[in-house]
Amino acid sequence: MSTIARAWVAAAIMLLPTSTPAQNAFYIQGRLDGLQRQLADLATLIEQLKAEDQQLQQQLESMRTKFEARLERLEKGGASARGKSR
């Protein structure tokens, strides 16, 4: 390697950020804190979605019950109407 190339490599190495174990620990702790916040936010969102799902399931069941009752009334009314016309 030429002297100029060695000088460039040495300069590049000197410009690289150096970090101490304390800086690494601080960075890791910050990342962990951020991940814990995200996890808590996601847990809250899951609970909200579960509650919304339960509400929608109840609405669906109510609609199904009403639909079946209407269908039954129509079937009974349809049968009596056909019997009258004969």
PDB file of N, CA and C in Angstrom:
ATOM      1  N   MET A   1       0.847  -1.169   0.000  1.00  0.00           N
ATOM      2  CA  MET A   1       0.000   0.000   0.000  1.00  0.00           C
ATOM      3  C   MET A   1       0.895   1.234   0.000  1.00  0.00           C
ATOM      4  N   SER A   2       0.494   2.207  -0.773  1.00  0.00           N
ATOM      5  CA  SER A   2       1.315   3.417  -0.877  1.00  0.00           C
ATOM      6  C   SER A   2       1.179   4.273   0.382  1.00  0.00           C
ATOM      7  N   THR A   3       2.079   5.169   0.530  1.00  0.00           N
ATOM      8  CA  THR A   3       2.080   6.065   1.688  1.00  0.00           C
ATOM      9  C   THR A   3       0.836   6.935   1.701  1.00  0.00           C
ATOM     10  N   ILE A   4       0.425   7.394   0.552  1.00  0.00           N
ATOM     11  CA  ILE A   4      -0.788   8.234   0.467  1.00  0.00           C
ATOM     12  C   ILE A   4      -2.008   7.421   0.873  1.00  0.00           C
ATOM     13  N   ALA A   5      -2.090   6.188   0.395  1.00  0.00           N
ATOM     14  CA  ALA A   5      -3.220   5.333   0.741  1.00  0.00           C
ATOM     15  C   ALA A   5      -3.240   5.062   2.235  1.00  0.00           C
ATOM     16  N   ARG A   6      -2.063   4.827   2.816  1.00  0.00           N
ATOM     17  CA  ARG A   6      -1.990   4.596   4.266  1.00  0.00           C
ATOM     18  C   ARG A   6      -2.442   5.834   5.033  1.00  0.00           C
ATOM     19  N   ALA A   7      -2.084   6.982   4.538  1.00  0.00           N
ATOM     20  CA  ALA A   7      -2.478   8.240   5.190  1.00  0.00           C
ATOM     21  C   ALA A   7      -3.998   8.393   5.145  1.00  0.00           C
ATOM     22  N   TRP A   8      -4.597   8.070   4.008  1.00  0.00           N
ATOM     23  CA  TRP A   8      -6.056   8.163   3.867  1.00  0.00           C
ATOM     24  C   TRP A   8      -6.748   7.170   4.801  1.00  0.00           C
ATOM     25  N   VAL A   9      -6.259   5.967   4.886  1.00  0.00           N
ATOM     26  CA  VAL A   9      -6.843   4.964   5.782  1.00  0.00           C
ATOM     27  C   VAL A   9      -6.710   5.422   7.227  1.00  0.00           C
ATOM     28  N   ALA A  10      -5.555   5.941   7.590  1.00  0.00           N
ATOM     29  CA  ALA A  10      -5.340   6.419   8.961  1.00  0.00           C
ATOM     30  C   ALA A  10      -6.281   7.576   9.274  1.00  0.00           C
ATOM     31  N   ALA A  11      -6.452   8.489   8.321  1.00  0.00           N
ATOM     32  CA  ALA A  11      -7.356   9.628   8.528  1.00  0.00           C
ATOM     33  C   ALA A  11      -8.792   9.141   8.664  1.00  0.00           C
ATOM     34  N   ALA A  12      -9.183   8.167   7.853  1.00  0.00           N
ATOM     35  CA  ALA A  12     -10.547   7.635   7.920  1.00  0.00           C
ATOM     36  C   ALA A  12     -10.788   6.955   9.262  1.00  0.00           C
ATOM     37  N   ILE A  13      -9.801   6.211   9.731  1.00  0.00           N
ATOM     38  CA  ILE A  13      -9.935   5.542  11.023  1.00  0.00           C
ATOM     39  C   ILE A  13     -10.070   6.567  12.138  1.00  0.00           C
ATOM     40  N   MET A  14      -9.334   7.645  12.052  1.00  0.00           N
ATOM     41  CA  MET A  14      -9.388   8.685  13.088  1.00  0.00           C
ATOM     42  C   MET A  14     -10.736   9.388  13.080  1.00  0.00           C
ATOM     43  N   LEU A  15     -11.378   9.443  11.935  1.00  0.00           N
ATOM     44  CA  LEU A  15     -12.669  10.114  11.845  1.00  0.00           C
ATOM     45  C   LEU A  15     -13.836   9.229  12.286  1.00  0.00           C
ATOM     46  N   LEU A  16     -13.598   7.924  12.395  1.00  0.00           N
ATOM     47  CA  LEU A  16     -14.666   7.033  12.838  1.00  0.00           C
ATOM     48  C   LEU A  16     -15.036   7.370  14.272  1.00  0.00           C
ATOM     49  N   PRO A  17     -16.333   7.355  14.559  1.00  0.00           N
ATOM     50  CA  PRO A  17     -16.736   7.654  15.936  1.00  0.00           C
ATOM     51  C   PRO A  17     -16.300   6.524  16.864  1.00  0.00           C
ATOM     52  N   THR A  18     -15.791   6.931  17.975  1.00  0.00           N
ATOM     53  CA  THR A  18     -15.406   5.942  18.978  1.00  0.00           C
ATOM     54  C   THR A  18     -16.458   5.961  20.067  1.00  0.00           C
ATOM     55  N   SER A  19     -16.741   4.807  20.583  1.00  0.00           N
ATOM     56  CA  SER A  19     -17.735   4.759  21.650  1.00  0.00           C
ATOM     57  C   SER A  19     -17.173   3.948  22.801  1.00  0.00           C
ATOM     58  N   THR A  20     -17.510   4.403  23.954  1.00  0.00           N
ATOM     59  CA  THR A  20     -17.065   3.729  25.166  1.00  0.00           C
ATOM     60  C   THR A  20     -18.141   2.727  25.584  1.00  0.00           C
ATOM     61  N   PRO A  21     -17.806   1.793  26.446  1.00  0.00           N
ATOM     62  CA  PRO A  21     -18.839   0.864  26.928  1.00  0.00           C
ATOM     63  C   PRO A  21     -20.020   1.594  27.567  1.00  0.00           C
ATOM     64  N   ALA A  22     -19.742   2.708  28.232  1.00  0.00           N
ATOM     65  CA  ALA A  22     -20.834   3.475  28.854  1.00  0.00           C
ATOM     66  C   ALA A  22     -21.761   4.051  27.785  1.00  0.00           C
ATOM     67  N   GLN A  23     -21.185   4.531  26.672  1.00  0.00           N
ATOM     68  CA  GLN A  23     -22.011   5.058  25.589  1.00  0.00           C
ATOM     69  C   GLN A  23     -22.843   3.942  24.963  1.00  0.00           C
ATOM     70  N   ASN A  24     -22.230   2.776  24.784  1.00  0.00           N
ATOM     71  CA  ASN A  24     -22.973   1.631  24.247  1.00  0.00           C
ATOM     72  C   ASN A  24     -24.119   1.244  25.168  1.00  0.00           C
ATOM     73  N   ALA A  25     -23.872   1.204  26.463  1.00  0.00           N
ATOM     74  CA  ALA A  25     -24.911   0.850  27.431  1.00  0.00           C
ATOM     75  C   ALA A  25     -26.030   1.882  27.402  1.00  0.00           C
ATOM     76  N   PHE A  26     -25.674   3.158  27.302  1.00  0.00           N
ATOM     77  CA  PHE A  26     -26.671   4.225  27.236  1.00  0.00           C
ATOM     78  C   PHE A  26     -27.529   4.072  25.985  1.00  0.00           C
ATOM     79  N   TYR A  27     -26.884   3.775  24.862  1.00  0.00           N
ATOM     80  CA  TYR A  27     -27.605   3.577  23.601  1.00  0.00           C
ATOM     81  C   TYR A  27     -28.544   2.376  23.705  1.00  0.00           C
ATOM     82  N   ILE A  28     -28.046   1.274  24.236  1.00  0.00           N
ATOM     83  CA  ILE A  28     -28.862   0.061  24.371  1.00  0.00           C
ATOM     84  C   ILE A  28     -30.035   0.314  25.306  1.00  0.00           C
ATOM     85  N   GLN A  29     -29.790   1.011  26.404  1.00  0.00           N
ATOM     86  CA  GLN A  29     -30.870   1.310  27.347  1.00  0.00           C
ATOM     87  C   GLN A  29     -31.931   2.182  26.679  1.00  0.00           C
ATOM     88  N   GLY A  30     -31.494   3.140  25.909  1.00  0.00           N
ATOM     89  CA  GLY A  30     -32.449   3.992  25.183  1.00  0.00           C
ATOM     90  C   GLY A  30     -33.290   3.191  24.208  1.00  0.00           C
ATOM     91  N   ARG A  31     -32.643   2.277  23.494  1.00  0.00           N
ATOM     92  CA  ARG A  31     -33.376   1.419  22.549  1.00  0.00           C
ATOM     93  C   ARG A  31     -34.379   0.540  23.295  1.00  0.00           C
ATOM     94  N   LEU A  32     -33.942  -0.033  24.439  1.00  0.00           N
ATOM     95  CA  LEU A  32     -34.852  -0.870  25.222  1.00  0.00           C
ATOM     96  C   LEU A  32     -36.050  -0.080  25.732  1.00  0.00           C
ATOM     97  N   ASP A  33     -35.799   1.127  26.209  1.00  0.00           N
ATOM     98  CA  ASP A  33     -36.888   1.981  26.687  1.00  0.00           C
ATOM     99  C   ASP A  33     -37.880   2.262  25.566  1.00  0.00           C
ATOM    100  N   GLY A  34     -37.343   2.564  24.383  1.00  0.00           N
ATOM    101  CA  GLY A  34     -38.213   2.830  23.235  1.00  0.00           C
ATOM    102  C   GLY A  34     -39.035   1.609  22.862  1.00  0.00           C
ATOM    103  N   LEU A  35     -38.416   0.448  22.881  1.00  0.00           N
ATOM    104  CA  LEU A  35     -39.127  -0.788  22.557  1.00  0.00           C
ATOM    105  C   LEU A  35     -40.199  -1.106  23.600  1.00  0.00           C
ATOM    106  N   GLN A  36     -39.899  -0.828  24.864  1.00  0.00           N
ATOM    107  CA  GLN A  36     -40.890  -1.053  25.914  1.00  0.00           C
ATOM    108  C   GLN A  36     -42.093  -0.133  25.740  1.00  0.00           C
ATOM    109  N   ARG A  37     -41.847   1.110  25.351  1.00  0.00           N
ATOM    110  CA  ARG A  37     -42.963   2.034  25.089  1.00  0.00           C
ATOM    111  C   ARG A  37     -43.806   1.542  23.921  1.00  0.00           C
ATOM    112  N   GLN A  38     -43.130   1.093  22.869  1.00  0.00           N
ATOM    113  CA  GLN A  38     -43.863   0.577  21.713  1.00  0.00           C
ATOM    114  C   GLN A  38     -44.687  -0.650  22.085  1.00  0.00           C
ATOM    115  N   LEU A  39     -44.116  -1.516  22.893  1.00  0.00           N
ATOM    116  CA  LEU A  39     -44.821  -2.708  23.331  1.00  0.00           C
ATOM    117  C   LEU A  39     -46.052  -2.344  24.159  1.00  0.00           C
ATOM    118  N   ALA A  40     -45.904  -1.374  25.046  1.00  0.00           N
ATOM    119  CA  ALA A  40     -47.042  -0.926  25.853  1.00  0.00           C
ATOM    120  C   ALA A  40     -48.126  -0.317  24.957  1.00  0.00           C
ATOM    121  N   ASP A  41     -47.716   0.480  23.975  1.00  0.00           N
ATOM    122  CA  ASP A  41     -48.683   1.067  23.037  1.00  0.00           C
ATOM    123  C   ASP A  41     -49.417  -0.018  22.260  1.00  0.00           C
ATOM    124  N   LEU A  42     -48.687  -1.025  21.821  1.00  0.00           N
ATOM    125  CA  LEU A  42     -49.310  -2.117  21.066  1.00  0.00           C
ATOM    126  C   LEU A  42     -50.258  -2.934  21.946  1.00  0.00           C
ATOM    127  N   ALA A  43     -49.887  -3.140  23.195  1.00  0.00           N
ATOM    128  CA  ALA A  43     -50.765  -3.871  24.115  1.00  0.00           C
ATOM    129  C   ALA A  43     -52.068  -3.100  24.323  1.00  0.00           C
ATOM    130  N   THR A  44     -51.960  -1.785  24.454  1.00  0.00           N
ATOM    131  CA  THR A  44     -53.155  -0.944  24.597  1.00  0.00           C
ATOM    132  C   THR A  44     -54.017  -1.039  23.346  1.00  0.00           C
ATOM    133  N   LEU A  45     -53.394  -0.968  22.188  1.00  0.00           N
ATOM    134  CA  LEU A  45     -54.123  -1.064  20.932  1.00  0.00           C
ATOM    135  C   LEU A  45     -54.821  -2.413  20.804  1.00  0.00           C
ATOM    136  N   ILE A  46     -54.154  -3.475  21.204  1.00  0.00           N
ATOM    137  CA  ILE A  46     -54.766  -4.806  21.147  1.00  0.00           C
ATOM    138  C   ILE A  46     -56.002  -4.857  22.032  1.00  0.00           C
ATOM    139  N   GLU A  47     -55.921  -4.304  23.223  1.00  0.00           N
ATOM    140  CA  GLU A  47     -57.079  -4.290  24.129  1.00  0.00           C
ATOM    141  C   GLU A  47     -58.235  -3.496  23.523  1.00  0.00           C
ATOM    142  N   GLN A  48     -57.923  -2.367  22.900  1.00  0.00           N
ATOM    143  CA  GLN A  48     -58.970  -1.569  22.257  1.00  0.00           C
ATOM    144  C   GLN A  48     -59.614  -2.352  21.114  1.00  0.00           C
ATOM    145  N   LEU A  49     -58.800  -3.019  20.332  1.00  0.00           N
ATOM    146  CA  LEU A  49     -59.325  -3.797  19.205  1.00  0.00           C
ATOM    147  C   LEU A  49     -60.155  -4.989  19.689  1.00  0.00           C
ATOM    148  N   LYS A  50     -59.752  -5.602  20.790  1.00  0.00           N
ATOM    149  CA  LYS A  50     -60.542  -6.702  21.351  1.00  0.00           C
ATOM    150  C   LYS A  50     -61.916  -6.208  21.788  1.00  0.00           C
ATOM    151  N   ALA A  51     -61.951  -5.055  22.450  1.00  0.00           N
ATOM    152  CA  ALA A  51     -63.219  -4.494  22.906  1.00  0.00           C
ATOM    153  C   ALA A  51     -64.106  -4.147  21.703  1.00  0.00           C
ATOM    154  N   GLU A  52     -63.511  -3.557  20.672  1.00  0.00           N
ATOM    155  CA  GLU A  52     -64.269  -3.216  19.464  1.00  0.00           C
ATOM    156  C   GLU A  52     -64.777  -4.483  18.782  1.00  0.00           C
ATOM    157  N   ASP A  53     -63.956  -5.518  18.734  1.00  0.00           N
ATOM    158  CA  ASP A  53     -64.367  -6.782  18.134  1.00  0.00           C
ATOM    159  C   ASP A  53     -65.548  -7.381  18.894  1.00  0.00           C
ATOM    160  N   GLN A  54     -65.488  -7.349  20.206  1.00  0.00           N
ATOM    161  CA  GLN A  54     -66.578  -7.886  21.016  1.00  0.00           C
ATOM    162  C   GLN A  54     -67.873  -7.125  20.750  1.00  0.00           C
ATOM    163  N   GLN A  55     -67.768  -5.801  20.655  1.00  0.00           N
ATOM    164  CA  GLN A  55     -68.943  -4.978  20.374  1.00  0.00           C
ATOM    165  C   GLN A  55     -69.516  -5.317  18.996  1.00  0.00           C
ATOM    166  N   LEU A  56     -68.649  -5.478  18.024  1.00  0.00           N
ATOM    167  CA  LEU A  56     -69.109  -5.818  16.674  1.00  0.00           C
ATOM    168  C   LEU A  56     -69.733  -7.215  16.639  1.00  0.00           C
ATOM    169  N   GLN A  57     -69.187  -8.145  17.400  1.00  0.00           N
ATOM    170  CA  GLN A  57     -69.773  -9.485  17.470  1.00  0.00           C
ATOM    171  C   GLN A  57     -71.180  -9.427  18.067  1.00  0.00           C
ATOM    172  N   GLN A  58     -71.360  -8.604  19.088  1.00  0.00           N
ATOM    173  CA  GLN A  58     -72.685  -8.451  19.697  1.00  0.00           C
ATOM    174  C   GLN A  58     -73.660  -7.832  18.709  1.00  0.00           C
ATOM    175  N   GLN A  59     -73.214  -6.820  17.974  1.00  0.00           N
ATOM    176  CA  GLN A  59     -74.079  -6.192  16.970  1.00  0.00           C
ATOM    177  C   GLN A  59     -74.463  -7.199  15.897  1.00  0.00           C
ATOM    178  N   LEU A  60     -73.498  -7.997  15.457  1.00  0.00           N
ATOM    179  CA  LEU A  60     -73.764  -9.004  14.436  1.00  0.00           C
ATOM    180  C   LEU A  60     -74.781 -10.025  14.940  1.00  0.00           C
ATOM    181  N   GLU A  61     -74.630 -10.475  16.153  1.00  0.00           N
ATOM    182  CA  GLU A  61     -75.576 -11.439  16.714  1.00  0.00           C
ATOM    183  C   GLU A  61     -76.973 -10.847  16.819  1.00  0.00           C
ATOM    184  N   SER A  62     -77.056  -9.582  17.221  1.00  0.00           N
ATOM    185  CA  SER A  62     -78.349  -8.902  17.296  1.00  0.00           C
ATOM    186  C   SER A  62     -78.993  -8.797  15.909  1.00  0.00           C
ATOM    187  N   MET A  63     -78.194  -8.437  14.929  1.00  0.00           N
ATOM    188  CA  MET A  63     -78.707  -8.338  13.562  1.00  0.00           C
ATOM    189  C   MET A  63     -79.152  -9.709  13.052  1.00  0.00           C
ATOM    190  N   ARG A  64     -78.393 -10.740  13.368  1.00  0.00           N
ATOM    191  CA  ARG A  64     -78.739 -12.098  12.936  1.00  0.00           C
ATOM    192  C   ARG A  64     -80.064 -12.533  13.551  1.00  0.00           C
ATOM    193  N   THR A  65     -80.241 -12.248  14.833  1.00  0.00           N
ATOM    194  CA  THR A  65     -81.480 -12.611  15.522  1.00  0.00           C
ATOM    195  C   THR A  65     -82.678 -11.889  14.903  1.00  0.00           C
ATOM    196  N   LYS A  66     -82.516 -10.590  14.658  1.00  0.00           N
ATOM    197  CA  LYS A  66     -83.605  -9.810  14.048  1.00  0.00           C
ATOM    198  C   LYS A  66     -83.910 -10.307  12.640  1.00  0.00           C
ATOM    199  N   PHE A  67     -82.883 -10.631  11.881  1.00  0.00           N
ATOM    200  CA  PHE A  67     -83.068 -11.120  10.526  1.00  0.00           C
ATOM    201  C   PHE A  67     -83.822 -12.439  10.525  1.00  0.00           C
ATOM    202  N   GLU A  68     -83.434 -13.343  11.415  1.00  0.00           N
ATOM    203  CA  GLU A  68     -84.100 -14.642  11.489  1.00  0.00           C
ATOM    204  C   GLU A  68     -85.564 -14.483  11.892  1.00  0.00           C
ATOM    205  N   ALA A  69     -85.853 -13.566  12.823  1.00  0.00           N
ATOM    206  CA  ALA A  69     -87.241 -13.325  13.233  1.00  0.00           C
ATOM    207  C   ALA A  69     -88.050 -12.762  12.063  1.00  0.00           C
ATOM    208  N   ARG A  70     -87.497 -11.836  11.310  1.00  0.00           N
ATOM    209  CA  ARG A  70     -88.202 -11.273  10.150  1.00  0.00           C
ATOM    210  C   ARG A  70     -88.439 -12.336   9.090  1.00  0.00           C
ATOM    211  N   LEU A  71     -87.425 -13.144   8.845  1.00  0.00           N
ATOM    212  CA  LEU A  71     -87.542 -14.205   7.854  1.00  0.00           C
ATOM    213  C   LEU A  71     -88.634 -15.194   8.265  1.00  0.00           C
ATOM    214  N   GLU A  72     -88.682 -15.538   9.539  1.00  0.00           N
ATOM    215  CA  GLU A  72     -89.705 -16.448  10.041  1.00  0.00           C
ATOM    216  C   GLU A  72     -91.098 -15.847   9.862  1.00  0.00           C
ATOM    217  N   ARG A  73     -91.245 -14.547  10.167  1.00  0.00           N
ATOM    218  CA  ARG A  73     -92.550 -13.884   9.985  1.00  0.00           C
ATOM    219  C   ARG A  73     -92.952 -13.878   8.514  1.00  0.00           C
ATOM    220  N   LEU A  74     -91.986 -13.612   7.628  1.00  0.00           N
ATOM    221  CA  LEU A  74     -92.282 -13.609   6.195  1.00  0.00           C
ATOM    222  C   LEU A  74     -92.696 -15.001   5.722  1.00  0.00           C
ATOM    223  N   GLU A  75     -92.007 -16.028   6.212  1.00  0.00           N
ATOM    224  CA  GLU A  75     -92.343 -17.385   5.811  1.00  0.00           C
ATOM    225  C   GLU A  75     -93.742 -17.770   6.289  1.00  0.00           C
ATOM    226  N   LYS A  76     -94.064 -17.387   7.507  1.00  0.00           N
ATOM    227  CA  LYS A  76     -95.399 -17.685   8.034  1.00  0.00           C
ATOM    228  C   LYS A  76     -96.462 -16.878   7.281  1.00  0.00           C
ATOM    229  N   GLY A  77     -96.178 -15.613   7.041  1.00  0.00           N
ATOM    230  CA  GLY A  77     -97.123 -14.762   6.310  1.00  0.00           C
ATOM    231  C   GLY A  77     -97.272 -15.211   4.871  1.00  0.00           C
ATOM    232  N   GLY A  78     -96.194 -15.631   4.264  1.00  0.00           N
ATOM    233  CA  GLY A  78     -96.214 -16.100   2.883  1.00  0.00           C
ATOM    234  C   GLY A  78     -97.021 -17.368   2.767  1.00  0.00           C
ATOM    235  N   ALA A  79     -96.919 -18.274   3.734  1.00  0.00           N
ATOM    236  CA  ALA A  79     -97.656 -19.535   3.686  1.00  0.00           C
ATOM    237  C   ALA A  79     -99.142 -19.283   3.850  1.00  0.00           C
ATOM    238  N   SER A  80     -99.539 -18.367   4.729  1.00  0.00           N
ATOM    239  CA  SER A  80    -100.961 -18.098   4.932  1.00  0.00           C
ATOM    240  C   SER A  80    -101.537 -17.348   3.748  1.00  0.00           C
ATOM    241  N   ALA A  81    -100.732 -16.498   3.126  1.00  0.00           N
ATOM    242  CA  ALA A  81    -101.219 -15.772   1.952  1.00  0.00           C
ATOM    243  C   ALA A  81    -101.434 -16.726   0.803  1.00  0.00           C
ATOM    244  N   ARG A  82    -100.601 -17.711   0.632  1.00  0.00           N
ATOM    245  CA  ARG A  82    -100.770 -18.687  -0.443  1.00  0.00           C
ATOM    246  C   ARG A  82    -101.972 -19.569  -0.188  1.00  0.00           C
ATOM    247  N   GLY A  83    -102.201 -19.887   1.067  1.00  0.00           N
ATOM    248  CA  GLY A  83    -103.355 -20.729   1.425  1.00  0.00           C
ATOM    249  C   GLY A  83    -104.664 -20.015   1.163  1.00  0.00           C
ATOM    250  N   LYS A  84    -104.708 -18.687   1.343  1.00  0.00           N
ATOM    251  CA  LYS A  84    -105.929 -17.902   1.142  1.00  0.00           C
ATOM    252  C   LYS A  84    -106.259 -17.793  -0.326  1.00  0.00           C
ATOM    253  N   SER A  85    -105.245 -17.726  -1.180  1.00  0.00           N
ATOM    254  CA  SER A  85    -105.517 -17.514  -2.590  1.00  0.00           C
ATOM    255  C   SER A  85    -106.000 -18.778  -3.276  1.00  0.00           C
ATOM    256  N   ARG A  86    -105.882 -19.935  -2.654  1.00  0.00           N
ATOM    257  CA  ARG A  86    -106.320 -21.200  -3.284  1.00  0.00           C
ATOM    258  C   ARG A  86    -107.758 -21.436  -3.094  1.00  0.00           C
TER     259      ARG A  86
END
